[in-house]
Amino acid sequence: MNQDSKLVDLGAERAKRVHDLNEKRLNEVRQAFEQAMPLTSPKKKPKKKPKKR
């Protein structure tokens, strides 16, 4: 049997897990921010007619 095929790189697995946790937290913060301050496009103000003098 080849033992090399069963070895697991614990450093890489930990890095993936930490990345997934950070990504999850980032998504939660992003969703909370979007609820507090929606990122809708601002309404354009209609152009006002120049005042007659």
Protein backbone atom coordinates (compact mmCIF):
# COMPACT_ATOMS: atom_id res chain seq x y z
CA MET A 1 0.00 0.00 0.00
CA ASN A 2 1.14 3.50 -0.75
CA GLN A 3 0.99 5.65 2.38
CA ASP A 4 1.59 8.91 0.47
CA SER A 5 -1.90 8.84 -1.05
CA LYS A 6 -3.48 8.83 2.42
CA LEU A 7 -1.49 11.77 3.79
CA VAL A 8 -3.43 14.98 4.40
CA ASP A 9 -1.79 18.39 4.37
CA LEU A 10 -3.12 19.75 7.66
CA GLY A 11 -1.82 23.24 6.94
CA ALA A 12 -3.73 23.44 3.68
CA GLU A 13 -6.89 22.02 5.26
CA ARG A 14 -6.69 24.56 8.10
CA ALA A 15 -6.15 27.40 5.63
CA LYS A 16 -9.24 26.34 3.66
CA ARG A 17 -11.31 26.14 6.85
CA VAL A 18 -10.15 29.56 8.06
CA HIS A 19 -10.87 31.02 4.62
CA ASP A 20 -14.39 29.55 4.67
CA LEU A 21 -15.05 30.98 8.15
CA ASN A 22 -13.83 34.42 7.09
CA GLU A 23 -15.92 34.28 3.92
CA LYS A 24 -19.02 33.36 5.94
CA ARG A 25 -18.45 36.25 8.37
CA LEU A 26 -17.84 38.65 5.47
CA ASN A 27 -21.12 37.62 3.83
CA GLU A 28 -23.02 38.12 7.10
CA VAL A 29 -21.58 41.62 7.53
CA ARG A 30 -22.33 42.45 3.89
CA GLN A 31 -25.95 41.36 4.27
CA ALA A 32 -26.37 43.37 7.49
CA PHE A 33 -24.87 46.43 5.82
CA GLU A 34 -27.15 46.10 2.79
CA GLN A 35 -30.19 45.91 5.09
CA ALA A 36 -29.10 49.02 6.99
CA MET A 37 -28.06 50.98 3.90
CA PRO A 38 -29.47 49.53 0.67
CA LEU A 39 -27.22 49.85 -2.33
CA THR A 40 -29.95 50.95 -4.72
CA SER A 41 -29.04 53.41 -7.41
CA PRO A 42 -29.74 56.99 -6.32
CA LYS A 43 -32.74 58.65 -7.90
CA LYS A 44 -31.78 61.21 -10.48
CA LYS A 45 -33.11 64.67 -9.83
CA PRO A 46 -35.04 66.16 -12.72
CA LYS A 47 -33.35 69.12 -14.34
CA LYS A 48 -34.92 72.36 -13.20
CA LYS A 49 -35.91 74.94 -15.72
CA PRO A 50 -33.85 78.10 -15.48
CA LYS A 51 -35.61 80.92 -13.68
CA LYS A 52 -36.95 83.72 -15.80
CA ARG A 53 -35.72 87.12 -14.80
